Amino acid sequence: MEKDAQGEIVFNIDVMLAKRKMSLTELSRRVGITMANMSVLKTGKAKAIRITTLAALCEALNCQPGDLLEYRDTGK
């Protein structure tokens, strides 16, 4: 029997944008994805992300994947 998920993965893009003093528009341009898709990631509404997109985000923000992703226990 599979165990139900006990948490969620949260994108901390806004934190990294503030640290880098970069706008969401600039990040979208550097990564090569639309503002609509960038907003989906930023607001946590994304259900999946391509590894290539994650790599592009890390390159644009000069960070590691762990700087962008956080696991939060929702206690469900």
PDB file of N, CA and C in Angstrom:
ATOM      1  N   MET A   1       0.829  -1.184   0.000  1.00  0.00           N
ATOM      2  CA  MET A   1       0.000   0.000   0.000  1.00  0.00           C
ATOM      3  C   MET A   1       0.876   1.251   0.000  1.00  0.00           C
ATOM      4  N   GLU A   2       0.564   2.215  -0.871  1.00  0.00           N
ATOM      5  CA  GLU A   2       1.343   3.439  -0.935  1.00  0.00           C
ATOM      6  C   GLU A   2       0.928   4.396   0.180  1.00  0.00           C
ATOM      7  N   LYS A   3       1.923   5.050   0.733  1.00  0.00           N
ATOM      8  CA  LYS A   3       1.671   6.055   1.768  1.00  0.00           C
ATOM      9  C   LYS A   3       1.295   7.369   1.085  1.00  0.00           C
ATOM     10  N   ASP A   4       0.284   8.036   1.598  1.00  0.00           N
ATOM     11  CA  ASP A   4      -0.108   9.331   1.053  1.00  0.00           C
ATOM     12  C   ASP A   4       0.987  10.355   1.324  1.00  0.00           C
ATOM     13  N   ALA A   5       1.139  11.305   0.414  1.00  0.00           N
ATOM     14  CA  ALA A   5       2.134  12.365   0.575  1.00  0.00           C
ATOM     15  C   ALA A   5       1.835  13.173   1.837  1.00  0.00           C
ATOM     16  N   GLN A   6       2.882  13.492   2.555  1.00  0.00           N
ATOM     17  CA  GLN A   6       2.735  14.244   3.797  1.00  0.00           C
ATOM     18  C   GLN A   6       3.185  15.688   3.668  1.00  0.00           C
ATOM     19  N   GLY A   7       3.530  16.110   2.489  1.00  0.00           N
ATOM     20  CA  GLY A   7       4.021  17.473   2.339  1.00  0.00           C
ATOM     21  C   GLY A   7       3.949  17.951   0.908  1.00  0.00           C
ATOM     22  N   GLU A   8       4.627  19.053   0.685  1.00  0.00           N
ATOM     23  CA  GLU A   8       4.630  19.656  -0.640  1.00  0.00           C
ATOM     24  C   GLU A   8       5.995  20.275  -0.915  1.00  0.00           C
ATOM     25  N   ILE A   9       6.295  20.449  -2.181  1.00  0.00           N
ATOM     26  CA  ILE A   9       7.513  21.138  -2.605  1.00  0.00           C
ATOM     27  C   ILE A   9       7.131  22.574  -2.934  1.00  0.00           C
ATOM     28  N   VAL A  10       7.858  23.510  -2.364  1.00  0.00           N
ATOM     29  CA  VAL A  10       7.594  24.934  -2.554  1.00  0.00           C
ATOM     30  C   VAL A  10       8.761  25.550  -3.313  1.00  0.00           C
ATOM     31  N   PHE A  11       8.471  26.399  -4.301  1.00  0.00           N
ATOM     32  CA  PHE A  11       9.496  27.138  -5.027  1.00  0.00           C
ATOM     33  C   PHE A  11       9.740  28.467  -4.326  1.00  0.00           C
ATOM     34  N   ASN A  12      10.987  28.729  -4.014  1.00  0.00           N
ATOM     35  CA  ASN A  12      11.363  29.990  -3.368  1.00  0.00           C
ATOM     36  C   ASN A  12      11.974  30.955  -4.378  1.00  0.00           C
ATOM     37  N   ILE A  13      11.338  31.072  -5.527  1.00  0.00           N
ATOM     38  CA  ILE A  13      11.855  31.952  -6.576  1.00  0.00           C
ATOM     39  C   ILE A  13      11.853  33.405  -6.108  1.00  0.00           C
ATOM     40  N   ASP A  14      10.817  33.820  -5.400  1.00  0.00           N
ATOM     41  CA  ASP A  14      10.746  35.211  -4.945  1.00  0.00           C
ATOM     42  C   ASP A  14      11.904  35.559  -4.006  1.00  0.00           C
ATOM     43  N   VAL A  15      12.308  34.612  -3.171  1.00  0.00           N
ATOM     44  CA  VAL A  15      13.436  34.836  -2.256  1.00  0.00           C
ATOM     45  C   VAL A  15      14.719  35.054  -3.057  1.00  0.00           C
ATOM     46  N   MET A  16      14.944  34.192  -4.042  1.00  0.00           N
ATOM     47  CA  MET A  16      16.162  34.311  -4.845  1.00  0.00           C
ATOM     48  C   MET A  16      16.138  35.569  -5.710  1.00  0.00           C
ATOM     49  N   LEU A  17      14.974  35.952  -6.202  1.00  0.00           N
ATOM     50  CA  LEU A  17      14.876  37.196  -6.979  1.00  0.00           C
ATOM     51  C   LEU A  17      15.264  38.393  -6.109  1.00  0.00           C
ATOM     52  N   ALA A  18      14.790  38.417  -4.877  1.00  0.00           N
ATOM     53  CA  ALA A  18      15.119  39.514  -3.971  1.00  0.00           C
ATOM     54  C   ALA A  18      16.614  39.536  -3.668  1.00  0.00           C
ATOM     55  N   LYS A  19      17.194  38.357  -3.428  1.00  0.00           N
ATOM     56  CA  LYS A  19      18.638  38.280  -3.137  1.00  0.00           C
ATOM     57  C   LYS A  19      19.466  38.754  -4.324  1.00  0.00           C
ATOM     58  N   ARG A  20      19.005  38.478  -5.524  1.00  0.00           N
ATOM     59  CA  ARG A  20      19.746  38.846  -6.739  1.00  0.00           C
ATOM     60  C   ARG A  20      19.329  40.214  -7.288  1.00  0.00           C
ATOM     61  N   LYS A  21      18.347  40.838  -6.641  1.00  0.00           N
ATOM     62  CA  LYS A  21      17.822  42.131  -7.107  1.00  0.00           C
ATOM     63  C   LYS A  21      17.440  42.065  -8.592  1.00  0.00           C
ATOM     64  N   MET A  22      16.651  41.040  -8.905  1.00  0.00           N
ATOM     65  CA  MET A  22      16.236  40.787 -10.282  1.00  0.00           C
ATOM     66  C   MET A  22      14.715  40.754 -10.344  1.00  0.00           C
ATOM     67  N   SER A  23      14.168  41.230 -11.434  1.00  0.00           N
ATOM     68  CA  SER A  23      12.715  41.191 -11.614  1.00  0.00           C
ATOM     69  C   SER A  23      12.302  39.847 -12.201  1.00  0.00           C
ATOM     70  N   LEU A  24      11.036  39.523 -12.024  1.00  0.00           N
ATOM     71  CA  LEU A  24      10.490  38.291 -12.596  1.00  0.00           C
ATOM     72  C   LEU A  24      10.570  38.351 -14.121  1.00  0.00           C
ATOM     73  N   THR A  25      10.379  39.533 -14.682  1.00  0.00           N
ATOM     74  CA  THR A  25      10.466  39.717 -16.131  1.00  0.00           C
ATOM     75  C   THR A  25      11.871  39.404 -16.630  1.00  0.00           C
ATOM     76  N   GLU A  26      12.884  39.904 -15.922  1.00  0.00           N
ATOM     77  CA  GLU A  26      14.275  39.646 -16.305  1.00  0.00           C
ATOM     78  C   GLU A  26      14.594  38.156 -16.201  1.00  0.00           C
ATOM     79  N   LEU A  27      14.143  37.515 -15.127  1.00  0.00           N
ATOM     80  CA  LEU A  27      14.378  36.085 -14.962  1.00  0.00           C
ATOM     81  C   LEU A  27      13.708  35.295 -16.085  1.00  0.00           C
ATOM     82  N   SER A  28      12.487  35.655 -16.415  1.00  0.00           N
ATOM     83  CA  SER A  28      11.756  34.999 -17.493  1.00  0.00           C
ATOM     84  C   SER A  28      12.527  35.099 -18.806  1.00  0.00           C
ATOM     85  N   ARG A  29      13.063  36.267 -19.079  1.00  0.00           N
ATOM     86  CA  ARG A  29      13.838  36.490 -20.302  1.00  0.00           C
ATOM     87  C   ARG A  29      15.104  35.640 -20.302  1.00  0.00           C
ATOM     88  N   ARG A  30      15.819  35.614 -19.177  1.00  0.00           N
ATOM     89  CA  ARG A  30      17.072  34.857 -19.093  1.00  0.00           C
ATOM     90  C   ARG A  30      16.855  33.348 -19.203  1.00  0.00           C
ATOM     91  N   VAL A  31      15.766  32.875 -18.629  1.00  0.00           N
ATOM     92  CA  VAL A  31      15.489  31.438 -18.631  1.00  0.00           C
ATOM     93  C   VAL A  31      14.855  30.998 -19.949  1.00  0.00           C
ATOM     94  N   GLY A  32      14.135  31.911 -20.598  1.00  0.00           N
ATOM     95  CA  GLY A  32      13.508  31.592 -21.873  1.00  0.00           C
ATOM     96  C   GLY A  32      12.145  30.950 -21.738  1.00  0.00           C
ATOM     97  N   ILE A  33      11.420  31.289 -20.653  1.00  0.00           N
ATOM     98  CA  ILE A  33      10.038  30.820 -20.516  1.00  0.00           C
ATOM     99  C   ILE A  33       9.124  32.028 -20.369  1.00  0.00           C
ATOM    100  N   THR A  34       7.868  31.831 -20.680  1.00  0.00           N
ATOM    101  CA  THR A  34       6.917  32.947 -20.663  1.00  0.00           C
ATOM    102  C   THR A  34       6.674  33.449 -19.249  1.00  0.00           C
ATOM    103  N   MET A  35       6.225  34.671 -19.156  1.00  0.00           N
ATOM    104  CA  MET A  35       5.871  35.246 -17.850  1.00  0.00           C
ATOM    105  C   MET A  35       4.754  34.433 -17.202  1.00  0.00           C
ATOM    106  N   ALA A  36       3.825  33.935 -18.012  1.00  0.00           N
ATOM    107  CA  ALA A  36       2.728  33.130 -17.473  1.00  0.00           C
ATOM    108  C   ALA A  36       3.277  31.875 -16.792  1.00  0.00           C
ATOM    109  N   ASN A  37       4.197  31.183 -17.457  1.00  0.00           N
ATOM    110  CA  ASN A  37       4.780  29.976 -16.870  1.00  0.00           C
ATOM    111  C   ASN A  37       5.649  30.304 -15.668  1.00  0.00           C
ATOM    112  N   MET A  38       6.357  31.416 -15.719  1.00  0.00           N
ATOM    113  CA  MET A  38       7.178  31.833 -14.583  1.00  0.00           C
ATOM    114  C   MET A  38       6.287  32.136 -13.379  1.00  0.00           C
ATOM    115  N   SER A  39       5.151  32.761 -13.623  1.00  0.00           N
ATOM    116  CA  SER A  39       4.213  33.064 -12.536  1.00  0.00           C
ATOM    117  C   SER A  39       3.650  31.791 -11.913  1.00  0.00           C
ATOM    118  N   VAL A  40       3.391  30.780 -12.744  1.00  0.00           N
ATOM    119  CA  VAL A  40       2.902  29.490 -12.234  1.00  0.00           C
ATOM    120  C   VAL A  40       3.935  28.880 -11.284  1.00  0.00           C
ATOM    121  N   LEU A  41       5.200  28.947 -11.660  1.00  0.00           N
ATOM    122  CA  LEU A  41       6.264  28.441 -10.784  1.00  0.00           C
ATOM    123  C   LEU A  41       6.349  29.256  -9.496  1.00  0.00           C
ATOM    124  N   LYS A  42       6.332  30.566  -9.640  1.00  0.00           N
ATOM    125  CA  LYS A  42       6.506  31.462  -8.485  1.00  0.00           C
ATOM    126  C   LYS A  42       5.374  31.319  -7.475  1.00  0.00           C
ATOM    127  N   THR A  43       4.167  31.117  -7.957  1.00  0.00           N
ATOM    128  CA  THR A  43       3.015  31.030  -7.050  1.00  0.00           C
ATOM    129  C   THR A  43       2.802  29.629  -6.492  1.00  0.00           C
ATOM    130  N   GLY A  44       3.616  28.672  -6.953  1.00  0.00           N
ATOM    131  CA  GLY A  44       3.509  27.315  -6.431  1.00  0.00           C
ATOM    132  C   GLY A  44       2.395  26.496  -7.045  1.00  0.00           C
ATOM    133  N   LYS A  45       1.876  26.932  -8.176  1.00  0.00           N
ATOM    134  CA  LYS A  45       0.775  26.208  -8.812  1.00  0.00           C
ATOM    135  C   LYS A  45       1.262  25.158  -9.804  1.00  0.00           C
ATOM    136  N   ALA A  46       2.576  25.094 -10.014  1.00  0.00           N
ATOM    137  CA  ALA A  46       3.135  24.113 -10.951  1.00  0.00           C
ATOM    138  C   ALA A  46       3.047  22.715 -10.355  1.00  0.00           C
ATOM    139  N   LYS A  47       2.713  21.747 -11.181  1.00  0.00           N
ATOM    140  CA  LYS A  47       2.651  20.341 -10.766  1.00  0.00           C
ATOM    141  C   LYS A  47       3.938  19.611 -11.120  1.00  0.00           C
ATOM    142  N   ALA A  48       4.737  20.193 -12.025  1.00  0.00           N
ATOM    143  CA  ALA A  48       5.985  19.572 -12.458  1.00  0.00           C
ATOM    144  C   ALA A  48       6.901  20.651 -13.025  1.00  0.00           C
ATOM    145  N   ILE A  49       8.187  20.316 -13.107  1.00  0.00           N
ATOM    146  CA  ILE A  49       9.151  21.209 -13.745  1.00  0.00           C
ATOM    147  C   ILE A  49      10.172  20.343 -14.476  1.00  0.00           C
ATOM    148  N   ARG A  50      10.564  20.787 -15.639  1.00  0.00           N
ATOM    149  CA  ARG A  50      11.596  20.077 -16.401  1.00  0.00           C
ATOM    150  C   ARG A  50      12.950  20.340 -15.749  1.00  0.00           C
ATOM    151  N   ILE A  51      13.798  19.328 -15.789  1.00  0.00           N
ATOM    152  CA  ILE A  51      15.148  19.473 -15.250  1.00  0.00           C
ATOM    153  C   ILE A  51      15.900  20.571 -15.994  1.00  0.00           C
ATOM    154  N   THR A  52      15.667  20.688 -17.291  1.00  0.00           N
ATOM    155  CA  THR A  52      16.337  21.733 -18.062  1.00  0.00           C
ATOM    156  C   THR A  52      15.896  23.124 -17.610  1.00  0.00           C
ATOM    157  N   THR A  53      14.622  23.271 -17.240  1.00  0.00           N
ATOM    158  CA  THR A  53      14.132  24.552 -16.732  1.00  0.00           C
ATOM    159  C   THR A  53      14.736  24.846 -15.375  1.00  0.00           C
ATOM    160  N   LEU A  54      14.810  23.843 -14.511  1.00  0.00           N
ATOM    161  CA  LEU A  54      15.435  24.021 -13.199  1.00  0.00           C
ATOM    162  C   LEU A  54      16.898  24.418 -13.365  1.00  0.00           C
ATOM    163  N   ALA A  55      17.596  23.778 -14.285  1.00  0.00           N
ATOM    164  CA  ALA A  55      18.999  24.113 -14.542  1.00  0.00           C
ATOM    165  C   ALA A  55      19.135  25.547 -15.050  1.00  0.00           C
ATOM    166  N   ALA A  56      18.230  25.965 -15.925  1.00  0.00           N
ATOM    167  CA  ALA A  56      18.268  27.330 -16.449  1.00  0.00           C
ATOM    168  C   ALA A  56      17.990  28.355 -15.345  1.00  0.00           C
ATOM    169  N   LEU A  57      17.064  28.028 -14.450  1.00  0.00           N
ATOM    170  CA  LEU A  57      16.790  28.913 -13.307  1.00  0.00           C
ATOM    171  C   LEU A  57      18.034  29.045 -12.430  1.00  0.00           C
ATOM    172  N   CYS A  58      18.682  27.920 -12.160  1.00  0.00           N
ATOM    173  CA  CYS A  58      19.895  27.935 -11.329  1.00  0.00           C
ATOM    174  C   CYS A  58      21.000  28.750 -11.988  1.00  0.00           C
ATOM    175  N   GLU A  59      21.142  28.598 -13.301  1.00  0.00           N
ATOM    176  CA  GLU A  59      22.165  29.362 -14.016  1.00  0.00           C
ATOM    177  C   GLU A  59      21.862  30.859 -13.959  1.00  0.00           C
ATOM    178  N   ALA A  60      20.612  31.230 -14.225  1.00  0.00           N
ATOM    179  CA  ALA A  60      20.229  32.641 -14.249  1.00  0.00           C
ATOM    180  C   ALA A  60      20.353  33.289 -12.871  1.00  0.00           C
ATOM    181  N   LEU A  61      20.061  32.511 -11.817  1.00  0.00           N
ATOM    182  CA  LEU A  61      20.088  33.055 -10.452  1.00  0.00           C
ATOM    183  C   LEU A  61      21.392  32.742  -9.719  1.00  0.00           C
ATOM    184  N   ASN A  62      22.297  32.034 -10.408  1.00  0.00           N
ATOM    185  CA  ASN A  62      23.579  31.649  -9.812  1.00  0.00           C
ATOM    186  C   ASN A  62      23.366  30.975  -8.455  1.00  0.00           C
ATOM    187  N   CYS A  63      22.588  29.888  -8.482  1.00  0.00           N
ATOM    188  CA  CYS A  63      22.255  29.187  -7.244  1.00  0.00           C
ATOM    189  C   CYS A  63      22.184  27.694  -7.481  1.00  0.00           C
ATOM    190  N   GLN A  64      21.916  26.951  -6.440  1.00  0.00           N
ATOM    191  CA  GLN A  64      21.749  25.505  -6.491  1.00  0.00           C
ATOM    192  C   GLN A  64      20.250  25.169  -6.441  1.00  0.00           C
ATOM    193  N   PRO A  65      19.850  23.992  -6.931  1.00  0.00           N
ATOM    194  CA  PRO A  65      18.435  23.615  -6.871  1.00  0.00           C
ATOM    195  C   PRO A  65      17.852  23.711  -5.459  1.00  0.00           C
ATOM    196  N   GLY A  66      18.633  23.375  -4.459  1.00  0.00           N
ATOM    197  CA  GLY A  66      18.162  23.441  -3.076  1.00  0.00           C
ATOM    198  C   GLY A  66      17.878  24.856  -2.595  1.00  0.00           C
ATOM    199  N   ASP A  67      18.438  25.847  -3.295  1.00  0.00           N
ATOM    200  CA  ASP A  67      18.135  27.241  -2.961  1.00  0.00           C
ATOM    201  C   ASP A  67      16.741  27.622  -3.440  1.00  0.00           C
ATOM    202  N   LEU A  68      16.249  26.919  -4.446  1.00  0.00           N
ATOM    203  CA  LEU A  68      14.944  27.222  -5.037  1.00  0.00           C
ATOM    204  C   LEU A  68      13.817  26.349  -4.508  1.00  0.00           C
ATOM    205  N   LEU A  69      14.145  25.119  -4.123  1.00  0.00           N
ATOM    206  CA  LEU A  69      13.130  24.153  -3.727  1.00  0.00           C
ATOM    207  C   LEU A  69      13.174  23.895  -2.227  1.00  0.00           C
ATOM    208  N   GLU A  70      11.987  23.786  -1.652  1.00  0.00           N
ATOM    209  CA  GLU A  70      11.882  23.519  -0.212  1.00  0.00           C
ATOM    210  C   GLU A  70      10.745  22.517   0.022  1.00  0.00           C
ATOM    211  N   TYR A  71      10.981  21.545   0.872  1.00  0.00           N
ATOM    212  CA  TYR A  71       9.937  20.603   1.248  1.00  0.00           C
ATOM    213  C   TYR A  71       9.273  21.101   2.524  1.00  0.00           C
ATOM    214  N   ARG A  72       7.949  21.171   2.505  1.00  0.00           N
ATOM    215  CA  ARG A  72       7.189  21.570   3.703  1.00  0.00           C
ATOM    216  C   ARG A  72       6.217  20.460   4.070  1.00  0.00           C
ATOM    217  N   ASP A  73       6.269  20.055   5.315  1.00  0.00           N
ATOM    218  CA  ASP A  73       5.354  19.041   5.831  1.00  0.00           C
ATOM    219  C   ASP A  73       4.002  19.693   6.072  1.00  0.00           C
ATOM    220  N   THR A  74       2.978  19.160   5.422  1.00  0.00           N
ATOM    221  CA  THR A  74       1.639  19.730   5.603  1.00  0.00           C
ATOM    222  C   THR A  74       0.848  18.998   6.677  1.00  0.00           C
ATOM    223  N   GLY A  75       1.403  17.900   7.174  1.00  0.00           N
ATOM    224  CA  GLY A  75       0.768  17.178   8.274  1.00  0.00           C
ATOM    225  C   GLY A  75      -0.564  16.551   7.944  1.00  0.00           C
ATOM    226  N   LYS A  76      -0.789  16.237   6.679  1.00  0.00           N
ATOM    227  CA  LYS A  76      -2.068  15.636   6.267  1.00  0.00           C
ATOM    228  C   LYS A  76      -2.138  14.200   6.698  1.00  0.00           C
TER     229      LYS A  76
END
